[in-house]
Amino acid sequence: GLVQPGGSLRLSCAASGTIFSIYAMGWYRQAPGKQRELVARINTGGS
């Protein structure tokens, strides 16, 4: 959504059709005119 500088948001990603718990997962982002980049990742153990 739209948020002012200094604000907060919580994104969610719901997975279906797979055994979710076996995968390391990541959040990626792509800004206008830029390549997609990895923002954060979490492995199966929570690291």
All heavy atoms as atom14 arrays in JSON, in Angstrom:
{
  "sequence": "GLVQPGGSLRLSCAASGTIFSIYAMGWYRQAPGKQRELVARINTGGS",
  "atom14_mask": [
    [1, 1, 1, 1, 0, 0, 0, 0, 0, 0, 0, 0, 0, 0],
    [1, 1, 1, 1, 1, 1, 1, 1, 0, 0, 0, 0, 0, 0],
    [1, 1, 1, 1, 1, 1, 1, 0, 0, 0, 0, 0, 0, 0],
    [1, 1, 1, 1, 1, 1, 1, 1, 1, 0, 0, 0, 0, 0],
    [1, 1, 1, 1, 1, 1, 1, 0, 0, 0, 0, 0, 0, 0],
    [1, 1, 1, 1, 0, 0, 0, 0, 0, 0, 0, 0, 0, 0],
    [1, 1, 1, 1, 0, 0, 0, 0, 0, 0, 0, 0, 0, 0],
    [1, 1, 1, 1, 1, 1, 0, 0, 0, 0, 0, 0, 0, 0],
    [1, 1, 1, 1, 1, 1, 1, 1, 0, 0, 0, 0, 0, 0],
    [1, 1, 1, 1, 1, 1, 1, 1, 1, 1, 1, 0, 0, 0],
    [1, 1, 1, 1, 1, 1, 1, 1, 0, 0, 0, 0, 0, 0],
    [1, 1, 1, 1, 1, 1, 0, 0, 0, 0, 0, 0, 0, 0],
    [1, 1, 1, 1, 1, 1, 0, 0, 0, 0, 0, 0, 0, 0],
    [1, 1, 1, 1, 1, 0, 0, 0, 0, 0, 0, 0, 0, 0],
    [1, 1, 1, 1, 1, 0, 0, 0, 0, 0, 0, 0, 0, 0],
    [1, 1, 1, 1, 1, 1, 0, 0, 0, 0, 0, 0, 0, 0],
    [1, 1, 1, 1, 0, 0, 0, 0, 0, 0, 0, 0, 0, 0],
    [1, 1, 1, 1, 1, 1, 1, 0, 0, 0, 0, 0, 0, 0],
    [1, 1, 1, 1, 1, 1, 1, 1, 0, 0, 0, 0, 0, 0],
    [1, 1, 1, 1, 1, 1, 1, 1, 1, 1, 1, 0, 0, 0],
    [1, 1, 1, 1, 1, 1, 0, 0, 0, 0, 0, 0, 0, 0],
    [1, 1, 1, 1, 1, 1, 1, 1, 0, 0, 0, 0, 0, 0],
    [1, 1, 1, 1, 1, 1, 1, 1, 1, 1, 1, 1, 0, 0],
    [1, 1, 1, 1, 1, 0, 0, 0, 0, 0, 0, 0, 0, 0],
    [1, 1, 1, 1, 1, 1, 1, 1, 0, 0, 0, 0, 0, 0],
    [1, 1, 1, 1, 0, 0, 0, 0, 0, 0, 0, 0, 0, 0],
    [1, 1, 1, 1, 1, 1, 1, 1, 1, 1, 1, 1, 1, 1],
    [1, 1, 1, 1, 1, 1, 1, 1, 1, 1, 1, 1, 0, 0],
    [1, 1, 1, 1, 1, 1, 1, 1, 1, 1, 1, 0, 0, 0],
    [1, 1, 1, 1, 1, 1, 1, 1, 1, 0, 0, 0, 0, 0],
    [1, 1, 1, 1, 1, 0, 0, 0, 0, 0, 0, 0, 0, 0],
    [1, 1, 1, 1, 1, 1, 1, 0, 0, 0, 0, 0, 0, 0],
    [1, 1, 1, 1, 0, 0, 0, 0, 0, 0, 0, 0, 0, 0],
    [1, 1, 1, 1, 1, 1, 1, 1, 1, 0, 0, 0, 0, 0],
    [1, 1, 1, 1, 1, 1, 1, 1, 1, 0, 0, 0, 0, 0],
    [1, 1, 1, 1, 1, 1, 1, 1, 1, 1, 1, 0, 0, 0],
    [1, 1, 1, 1, 1, 1, 1, 1, 1, 0, 0, 0, 0, 0],
    [1, 1, 1, 1, 1, 1, 1, 1, 0, 0, 0, 0, 0, 0],
    [1, 1, 1, 1, 1, 1, 1, 0, 0, 0, 0, 0, 0, 0],
    [1, 1, 1, 1, 1, 0, 0, 0, 0, 0, 0, 0, 0, 0],
    [1, 1, 1, 1, 1, 1, 1, 1, 1, 1, 1, 0, 0, 0],
    [1, 1, 1, 1, 1, 1, 1, 1, 0, 0, 0, 0, 0, 0],
    [1, 1, 1, 1, 1, 1, 1, 1, 0, 0, 0, 0, 0, 0],
    [1, 1, 1, 1, 1, 1, 1, 0, 0, 0, 0, 0, 0, 0],
    [1, 1, 1, 1, 0, 0, 0, 0, 0, 0, 0, 0, 0, 0],
    [1, 1, 1, 1, 0, 0, 0, 0, 0, 0, 0, 0, 0, 0],
    [1, 1, 1, 1, 1, 1, 0, 0, 0, 0, 0, 0, 0, 0]
  ],
  "atom14_positions": [
    [[0.83, -1.2, 0.0], [0.0, 0.0, 0.0], [0.86, 1.24, 0.0], [2.07, 1.19, -0.19], [0.0, 0.0, 0.0], [0.0, 0.0, 0.0], [0.0, 0.0, 0.0], [0.0, 0.0, 0.0], [0.0, 0.0, 0.0], [0.0, 0.0, 0.0], [0.0, 0.0, 0.0], [0.0, 0.0, 0.0], [0.0, 0.0, 0.0], [0.0, 0.0, 0.0]],
    [[0.19, 2.37, 0.22], [0.86, 3.67, 0.28], [1.12, 4.02, 1.75], [0.19, 3.95, 2.57], [-0.02, 4.73, -0.37], [0.45, 6.19, -0.24], [1.78, 6.38, -0.96], [-0.62, 7.12, -0.8], [0.0, 0.0, 0.0], [0.0, 0.0, 0.0], [0.0, 0.0, 0.0], [0.0, 0.0, 0.0], [0.0, 0.0, 0.0], [0.0, 0.0, 0.0]],
    [[2.34, 4.38, 2.06], [2.71, 4.71, 3.43], [3.66, 5.89, 3.41], [4.44, 6.05, 2.46], [3.33, 3.48, 4.14], [4.62, 3.06, 3.48], [3.53, 3.74, 5.62], [0.0, 0.0, 0.0], [0.0, 0.0, 0.0], [0.0, 0.0, 0.0], [0.0, 0.0, 0.0], [0.0, 0.0, 0.0], [0.0, 0.0, 0.0], [0.0, 0.0, 0.0]],
    [[3.6, 6.7, 4.44], [4.5, 7.85, 4.54], [5.89, 7.41, 4.99], [6.04, 6.37, 5.67], [3.94, 8.87, 5.52], [2.67, 9.54, 5.04], [2.24, 10.66, 5.96], [2.66, 10.76, 7.11], [1.38, 11.53, 5.46], [0.0, 0.0, 0.0], [0.0, 0.0, 0.0], [0.0, 0.0, 0.0], [0.0, 0.0, 0.0], [0.0, 0.0, 0.0]],
    [[6.9, 8.17, 4.66], [8.25, 7.86, 5.16], [8.24, 7.74, 6.68], [7.61, 8.54, 7.37], [9.07, 9.06, 4.69], [8.38, 9.53, 3.46], [6.91, 9.33, 3.73], [0.0, 0.0, 0.0], [0.0, 0.0, 0.0], [0.0, 0.0, 0.0], [0.0, 0.0, 0.0], [0.0, 0.0, 0.0], [0.0, 0.0, 0.0], [0.0, 0.0, 0.0]],
    [[8.93, 6.72, 7.16], [8.94, 6.45, 8.59], [7.87, 5.5, 9.05], [7.88, 5.04, 10.19], [0.0, 0.0, 0.0], [0.0, 0.0, 0.0], [0.0, 0.0, 0.0], [0.0, 0.0, 0.0], [0.0, 0.0, 0.0], [0.0, 0.0, 0.0], [0.0, 0.0, 0.0], [0.0, 0.0, 0.0], [0.0, 0.0, 0.0], [0.0, 0.0, 0.0]],
    [[6.93, 5.2, 8.17], [5.82, 4.31, 8.52], [6.2, 2.84, 8.43], [7.35, 2.48, 8.14], [0.0, 0.0, 0.0], [0.0, 0.0, 0.0], [0.0, 0.0, 0.0], [0.0, 0.0, 0.0], [0.0, 0.0, 0.0], [0.0, 0.0, 0.0], [0.0, 0.0, 0.0], [0.0, 0.0, 0.0], [0.0, 0.0, 0.0], [0.0, 0.0, 0.0]],
    [[5.18, 2.0, 8.67], [5.38, 0.55, 8.69], [4.33, -0.16, 7.87], [3.2, 0.34, 7.71], [5.31, 0.03, 10.14], [6.32, 0.57, 10.94], [0.0, 0.0, 0.0], [0.0, 0.0, 0.0], [0.0, 0.0, 0.0], [0.0, 0.0, 0.0], [0.0, 0.0, 0.0], [0.0, 0.0, 0.0], [0.0, 0.0, 0.0], [0.0, 0.0, 0.0]],
    [[4.7, -1.3, 7.38], [3.77, -2.21, 6.7], [4.18, -3.64, 7.02], [5.37, -3.91, 7.27], [3.81, -2.02, 5.18], [3.09, -0.84, 4.56], [3.37, -0.79, 3.07], [1.59, -0.91, 4.81], [0.0, 0.0, 0.0], [0.0, 0.0, 0.0], [0.0, 0.0, 0.0], [0.0, 0.0, 0.0], [0.0, 0.0, 0.0], [0.0, 0.0, 0.0]],
    [[3.21, -4.54, 6.96], [3.5, -5.96, 7.12], [2.99, -6.69, 5.9], [1.78, -6.68, 5.63], [2.84, -6.51, 8.37], [3.26, -7.95, 8.7], [2.35, -8.56, 9.74], [2.91, -9.77, 10.32], [2.18, -10.73, 10.88], [0.86, -10.6, 10.92], [2.75, -11.8, 11.41], [0.0, 0.0, 0.0], [0.0, 0.0, 0.0], [0.0, 0.0, 0.0]],
    [[3.89, -7.31, 5.18], [3.54, -8.09, 4.01], [3.35, -9.55, 4.39], [4.03, -10.06, 5.28], [4.62, -7.97, 2.94], [5.03, -6.56, 2.52], [6.04, -6.64, 1.38], [3.83, -5.73, 2.11], [0.0, 0.0, 0.0], [0.0, 0.0, 0.0], [0.0, 0.0, 0.0], [0.0, 0.0, 0.0], [0.0, 0.0, 0.0], [0.0, 0.0, 0.0]],
    [[2.44, -10.2, 3.68], [2.2, -11.63, 3.87], [2.32, -12.34, 2.54], [2.02, -11.77, 1.49], [0.81, -11.88, 4.45], [0.64, -11.27, 5.7], [0.0, 0.0, 0.0], [0.0, 0.0, 0.0], [0.0, 0.0, 0.0], [0.0, 0.0, 0.0], [0.0, 0.0, 0.0], [0.0, 0.0, 0.0], [0.0, 0.0, 0.0], [0.0, 0.0, 0.0]],
    [[2.75, -13.59, 2.59], [2.83, -14.43, 1.4], [2.27, -15.79, 1.76], [2.86, -16.5, 2.58], [4.27, -14.55, 0.93], [4.52, -15.79, -0.34], [0.0, 0.0, 0.0], [0.0, 0.0, 0.0], [0.0, 0.0, 0.0], [0.0, 0.0, 0.0], [0.0, 0.0, 0.0], [0.0, 0.0, 0.0], [0.0, 0.0, 0.0], [0.0, 0.0, 0.0]],
    [[1.16, -16.13, 1.14], [0.51, -17.42, 1.4], [0.88, -18.4, 0.29], [0.76, -18.09, -0.89], [-0.99, -17.24, 1.45], [0.0, 0.0, 0.0], [0.0, 0.0, 0.0], [0.0, 0.0, 0.0], [0.0, 0.0, 0.0], [0.0, 0.0, 0.0], [0.0, 0.0, 0.0], [0.0, 0.0, 0.0], [0.0, 0.0, 0.0], [0.0, 0.0, 0.0]],
    [[1.33, -19.58, 0.7], [1.76, -20.6, -0.24], [0.74, -21.74, -0.28], [0.18, -22.12, 0.75], [3.12, -21.15, 0.15], [0.0, 0.0, 0.0], [0.0, 0.0, 0.0], [0.0, 0.0, 0.0], [0.0, 0.0, 0.0], [0.0, 0.0, 0.0], [0.0, 0.0, 0.0], [0.0, 0.0, 0.0], [0.0, 0.0, 0.0], [0.0, 0.0, 0.0]],
    [[0.52, -22.27, -1.47], [-0.34, -23.44, -1.62], [0.26, -24.37, -2.64], [1.09, -23.97, -3.46], [-1.75, -23.02, -2.05], [-1.71, -22.36, -3.29], [0.0, 0.0, 0.0], [0.0, 0.0, 0.0], [0.0, 0.0, 0.0], [0.0, 0.0, 0.0], [0.0, 0.0, 0.0], [0.0, 0.0, 0.0], [0.0, 0.0, 0.0], [0.0, 0.0, 0.0]],
    [[-0.12, -25.63, -2.57], [0.31, -26.59, -3.57], [1.71, -27.12, -3.35], [2.29, -27.73, -4.26], [0.0, 0.0, 0.0], [0.0, 0.0, 0.0], [0.0, 0.0, 0.0], [0.0, 0.0, 0.0], [0.0, 0.0, 0.0], [0.0, 0.0, 0.0], [0.0, 0.0, 0.0], [0.0, 0.0, 0.0], [0.0, 0.0, 0.0], [0.0, 0.0, 0.0]],
    [[2.25, -26.94, -2.17], [3.6, -27.42, -1.91], [3.77, -27.69, -0.43], [2.97, -27.24, 0.39], [4.66, -26.41, -2.37], [5.96, -26.98, -2.19], [4.59, -25.13, -1.55], [0.0, 0.0, 0.0], [0.0, 0.0, 0.0], [0.0, 0.0, 0.0], [0.0, 0.0, 0.0], [0.0, 0.0, 0.0], [0.0, 0.0, 0.0], [0.0, 0.0, 0.0]],
    [[4.82, -28.44, -0.13], [5.15, -28.66, 1.27], [6.01, -27.47, 1.7], [7.23, -27.48, 1.61], [5.9, -29.99, 1.47], [5.07, -31.13, 0.87], [6.17, -30.23, 2.94], [5.77, -32.45, 0.84], [0.0, 0.0, 0.0], [0.0, 0.0, 0.0], [0.0, 0.0, 0.0], [0.0, 0.0, 0.0], [0.0, 0.0, 0.0], [0.0, 0.0, 0.0]],
    [[5.35, -26.43, 2.16], [5.99, -25.14, 2.42], [7.18, -25.26, 3.35], [8.2, -24.61, 3.16], [4.92, -24.22, 3.01], [5.42, -22.89, 3.48], [5.68, -21.89, 2.57], [5.6, -22.64, 4.83], [6.12, -20.65, 3.0], [6.04, -21.42, 5.27], [6.3, -20.42, 4.34], [0.0, 0.0, 0.0], [0.0, 0.0, 0.0], [0.0, 0.0, 0.0]],
    [[7.05, -26.1, 4.37], [8.06, -26.12, 5.43], [9.43, -26.6, 4.98], [10.41, -26.39, 5.68], [7.56, -27.0, 6.59], [7.37, -28.32, 6.15], [0.0, 0.0, 0.0], [0.0, 0.0, 0.0], [0.0, 0.0, 0.0], [0.0, 0.0, 0.0], [0.0, 0.0, 0.0], [0.0, 0.0, 0.0], [0.0, 0.0, 0.0], [0.0, 0.0, 0.0]],
    [[9.53, -27.23, 3.81], [10.82, -27.76, 3.37], [11.65, -26.73, 2.62], [12.8, -27.0, 2.28], [10.66, -29.02, 2.51], [10.07, -28.67, 1.14], [9.83, -30.08, 3.22], [10.07, -29.84, 0.17], [0.0, 0.0, 0.0], [0.0, 0.0, 0.0], [0.0, 0.0, 0.0], [0.0, 0.0, 0.0], [0.0, 0.0, 0.0], [0.0, 0.0, 0.0]],
    [[11.08, -25.58, 2.36], [11.78, -24.58, 1.57], [12.32, -23.42, 2.39], [11.64, -22.91, 3.28], [10.83, -23.98, 0.52], [10.4, -24.94, -0.56], [9.12, -25.48, -0.56], [11.27, -25.3, -1.59], [8.71, -26.35, -1.55], [10.86, -26.17, -2.59], [9.59, -26.69, -2.56], [9.2, -27.56, -3.55], [0.0, 0.0, 0.0], [0.0, 0.0, 0.0]],
    [[13.53, -22.98, 2.05], [13.95, -21.65, 2.46], [13.16, -20.67, 1.61], [12.9, -20.92, 0.43], [15.45, -21.47, 2.25], [0.0, 0.0, 0.0], [0.0, 0.0, 0.0], [0.0, 0.0, 0.0], [0.0, 0.0, 0.0], [0.0, 0.0, 0.0], [0.0, 0.0, 0.0], [0.0, 0.0, 0.0], [0.0, 0.0, 0.0], [0.0, 0.0, 0.0]],
    [[12.76, -19.57, 2.21], [11.92, -18.59, 1.52], [12.57, -17.22, 1.54], [13.36, -16.89, 2.44], [10.55, -18.5, 2.19], [9.72, -19.77, 2.14], [9.26, -20.25, 0.46], [8.2, -18.88, -0.02], [0.0, 0.0, 0.0], [0.0, 0.0, 0.0], [0.0, 0.0, 0.0], [0.0, 0.0, 0.0], [0.0, 0.0, 0.0], [0.0, 0.0, 0.0]],
    [[12.23, -16.44, 0.55], [12.79, -15.1, 0.47], [11.76, -14.07, 0.06], [10.76, -14.41, -0.57], [0.0, 0.0, 0.0], [0.0, 0.0, 0.0], [0.0, 0.0, 0.0], [0.0, 0.0, 0.0], [0.0, 0.0, 0.0], [0.0, 0.0, 0.0], [0.0, 0.0, 0.0], [0.0, 0.0, 0.0], [0.0, 0.0, 0.0], [0.0, 0.0, 0.0]],
    [[12.02, -12.85, 0.45], [11.28, -11.7, -0.07], [12.21, -10.95, -1.02], [13.38, -10.69, -0.68], [10.82, -10.78, 1.05], [9.58, -11.22, 1.75], [9.49, -11.9, 2.92], [8.24, -11.02, 1.29], [8.17, -12.15, 3.23], [7.39, -11.61, 2.25], [7.67, -10.4, 0.18], [6.0, -11.6, 2.13], [6.29, -10.39, 0.07], [5.47, -10.98, 1.03]],
    [[11.67, -10.62, -2.17], [12.4, -9.92, -3.2], [11.64, -8.64, -3.54], [10.44, -8.54, -3.28], [12.52, -10.78, -4.46], [13.14, -12.13, -4.24], [12.42, -13.17, -3.65], [14.44, -12.39, -4.64], [12.99, -14.43, -3.46], [15.02, -13.65, -4.46], [14.28, -14.66, -3.86], [14.85, -15.89, -3.68], [0.0, 0.0, 0.0], [0.0, 0.0, 0.0]],
    [[12.31, -7.69, -4.16], [11.61, -6.49, -4.6], [12.2, -6.0, -5.92], [13.37, -6.25, -6.21], [11.67, -5.38, -3.55], [13.04, -4.76, -3.33], [12.98, -3.76, -2.2], [14.29, -3.14, -1.97], [14.55, -2.33, -0.95], [13.59, -2.04, -0.05], [15.74, -1.79, -0.83], [0.0, 0.0, 0.0], [0.0, 0.0, 0.0], [0.0, 0.0, 0.0]],
    [[11.35, -5.31, -6.67], [11.78, -4.72, -7.92], [11.26, -3.3, -7.99], [10.04, -3.09, -8.07], [11.31, -5.53, -9.12], [11.88, -5.04, -10.44], [11.67, -6.02, -11.57], [10.8, -6.89, -11.52], [12.47, -5.89, -12.61], [0.0, 0.0, 0.0], [0.0, 0.0, 0.0], [0.0, 0.0, 0.0], [0.0, 0.0, 0.0], [0.0, 0.0, 0.0]],
    [[12.17, -2.36, -7.98], [11.82, -0.95, -8.1], [11.76, -0.58, -9.58], [12.36, -1.26, -10.42], [12.86, -0.1, -7.38], [0.0, 0.0, 0.0], [0.0, 0.0, 0.0], [0.0, 0.0, 0.0], [0.0, 0.0, 0.0], [0.0, 0.0, 0.0], [0.0, 0.0, 0.0], [0.0, 0.0, 0.0], [0.0, 0.0, 0.0], [0.0, 0.0, 0.0]],
    [[11.04, 0.46, -9.91], [10.93, 0.87, -11.32], [12.3, 1.07, -11.96], [13.16, 1.77, -11.39], [10.15, 2.18, -11.24], [9.38, 2.09, -9.98], [10.24, 1.32, -9.02], [0.0, 0.0, 0.0], [0.0, 0.0, 0.0], [0.0, 0.0, 0.0], [0.0, 0.0, 0.0], [0.0, 0.0, 0.0], [0.0, 0.0, 0.0], [0.0, 0.0, 0.0]],
    [[12.51, 0.43, -13.09], [13.75, 0.58, -13.82], [14.94, -0.15, -13.25], [16.07, 0.02, -13.72], [0.0, 0.0, 0.0], [0.0, 0.0, 0.0], [0.0, 0.0, 0.0], [0.0, 0.0, 0.0], [0.0, 0.0, 0.0], [0.0, 0.0, 0.0], [0.0, 0.0, 0.0], [0.0, 0.0, 0.0], [0.0, 0.0, 0.0], [0.0, 0.0, 0.0]],
    [[14.71, -0.98, -12.24], [15.82, -1.7, -11.61], [15.59, -3.21, -11.67], [14.49, -3.69, -11.89], [15.97, -1.25, -10.16], [16.39, 0.2, -10.0], [16.71, 0.51, -8.57], [17.21, 1.94, -8.42], [17.55, 2.27, -7.0], [0.0, 0.0, 0.0], [0.0, 0.0, 0.0], [0.0, 0.0, 0.0], [0.0, 0.0, 0.0], [0.0, 0.0, 0.0]],
    [[16.67, -3.93, -11.42], [16.6, -5.39, -11.38], [15.92, -5.83, -10.08], [15.98, -5.15, -9.06], [18.02, -5.97, -11.41], [18.81, -5.65, -12.65], [18.87, -6.82, -13.6], [18.14, -7.8, -13.44], [19.72, -6.74, -14.6], [0.0, 0.0, 0.0], [0.0, 0.0, 0.0], [0.0, 0.0, 0.0], [0.0, 0.0, 0.0], [0.0, 0.0, 0.0]],
    [[15.31, -6.99, -10.12], [14.75, -7.56, -8.89], [15.9, -7.96, -7.97], [16.91, -8.49, -8.43], [13.88, -8.76, -9.24], [13.14, -9.36, -8.08], [11.83, -10.01, -8.5], [11.94, -10.8, -9.7], [10.89, -11.24, -10.39], [9.65, -10.93, -9.99], [11.05, -11.95, -11.48], [0.0, 0.0, 0.0], [0.0, 0.0, 0.0], [0.0, 0.0, 0.0]],
    [[15.72, -7.71, -6.68], [16.77, -7.99, -5.72], [16.2, -8.72, -4.51], [15.03, -8.56, -4.16], [17.44, -6.68, -5.25], [16.51, -5.73, -4.52], [17.22, -4.52, -3.95], [18.47, -4.5, -3.92], [16.53, -3.58, -3.5], [0.0, 0.0, 0.0], [0.0, 0.0, 0.0], [0.0, 0.0, 0.0], [0.0, 0.0, 0.0], [0.0, 0.0, 0.0]],
    [[17.06, -9.51, -3.9], [16.68, -10.21, -2.67], [16.75, -9.23, -1.5], [17.75, -8.55, -1.31], [17.63, -11.38, -2.43], [17.43, -12.16, -1.12], [16.1, -12.92, -1.15], [18.59, -13.12, -0.89], [0.0, 0.0, 0.0], [0.0, 0.0, 0.0], [0.0, 0.0, 0.0], [0.0, 0.0, 0.0], [0.0, 0.0, 0.0], [0.0, 0.0, 0.0]],
    [[15.68, -9.19, -0.72], [15.61, -8.29, 0.42], [15.91, -9.04, 1.72], [16.67, -8.55, 2.56], [14.21, -7.66, 0.51], [14.05, -6.87, 1.79], [13.96, -6.77, -0.7], [0.0, 0.0, 0.0], [0.0, 0.0, 0.0], [0.0, 0.0, 0.0], [0.0, 0.0, 0.0], [0.0, 0.0, 0.0], [0.0, 0.0, 0.0], [0.0, 0.0, 0.0]],
    [[15.32, -10.21, 1.87], [15.49, -10.98, 3.11], [15.2, -12.44, 2.81], [14.42, -12.74, 1.91], [14.54, -10.48, 4.2], [0.0, 0.0, 0.0], [0.0, 0.0, 0.0], [0.0, 0.0, 0.0], [0.0, 0.0, 0.0], [0.0, 0.0, 0.0], [0.0, 0.0, 0.0], [0.0, 0.0, 0.0], [0.0, 0.0, 0.0], [0.0, 0.0, 0.0]],
    [[15.79, -13.32, 3.58], [15.52, -14.73, 3.43], [15.5, -15.42, 4.79], [16.1, -14.93, 5.75], [16.53, -15.42, 2.5], [17.99, -15.3, 2.93], [18.88, -15.91, 1.87], [20.29, -15.67, 2.07], [21.1, -16.49, 2.69], [20.63, -17.62, 3.21], [22.38, -16.21, 2.81], [0.0, 0.0, 0.0], [0.0, 0.0, 0.0], [0.0, 0.0, 0.0]],
    [[14.79, -16.54, 4.83], [14.68, -17.31, 6.06], [14.75, -18.78, 5.7], [14.09, -19.23, 4.78], [13.36, -16.95, 6.8], [13.28, -17.68, 8.13], [12.12, -17.21, 5.95], [12.17, -17.13, 9.05], [0.0, 0.0, 0.0], [0.0, 0.0, 0.0], [0.0, 0.0, 0.0], [0.0, 0.0, 0.0], [0.0, 0.0, 0.0], [0.0, 0.0, 0.0]],
    [[15.58, -19.51, 6.43], [15.71, -20.92, 6.1], [14.7, -21.75, 6.89], [13.88, -21.2, 7.64], [17.15, -21.41, 6.28], [17.57, -21.46, 7.75], [16.75, -21.35, 8.66], [18.87, -21.61, 7.97], [0.0, 0.0, 0.0], [0.0, 0.0, 0.0], [0.0, 0.0, 0.0], [0.0, 0.0, 0.0], [0.0, 0.0, 0.0], [0.0, 0.0, 0.0]],
    [[14.74, -23.05, 6.7], [13.73, -23.9, 7.32], [13.81, -23.89, 8.83], [12.82, -24.1, 9.52], [13.85, -25.33, 6.8], [15.17, -25.81, 7.04], [13.57, -25.4, 5.3], [0.0, 0.0, 0.0], [0.0, 0.0, 0.0], [0.0, 0.0, 0.0], [0.0, 0.0, 0.0], [0.0, 0.0, 0.0], [0.0, 0.0, 0.0], [0.0, 0.0, 0.0]],
    [[15.0, -23.6, 9.35], [15.18, -23.57, 10.8], [14.9, -22.23, 11.43], [14.96, -22.08, 12.65], [0.0, 0.0, 0.0], [0.0, 0.0, 0.0], [0.0, 0.0, 0.0], [0.0, 0.0, 0.0], [0.0, 0.0, 0.0], [0.0, 0.0, 0.0], [0.0, 0.0, 0.0], [0.0, 0.0, 0.0], [0.0, 0.0, 0.0], [0.0, 0.0, 0.0]],
    [[14.63, -21.23, 10.59], [14.3, -19.91, 11.11], [15.44, -18.91, 11.08], [15.26, -17.75, 11.46], [0.0, 0.0, 0.0], [0.0, 0.0, 0.0], [0.0, 0.0, 0.0], [0.0, 0.0, 0.0], [0.0, 0.0, 0.0], [0.0, 0.0, 0.0], [0.0, 0.0, 0.0], [0.0, 0.0, 0.0], [0.0, 0.0, 0.0], [0.0, 0.0, 0.0]],
    [[16.62, -19.31, 10.63], [17.72, -18.37, 10.51], [17.44, -17.38, 9.38], [16.89, -17.76, 8.35], [19.03, -19.11, 10.23], [19.37, -19.93, 11.32], [0.0, 0.0, 0.0], [0.0, 0.0, 0.0], [0.0, 0.0, 0.0], [0.0, 0.0, 0.0], [0.0, 0.0, 0.0], [0.0, 0.0, 0.0], [0.0, 0.0, 0.0], [0.0, 0.0, 0.0]]
  ]
}
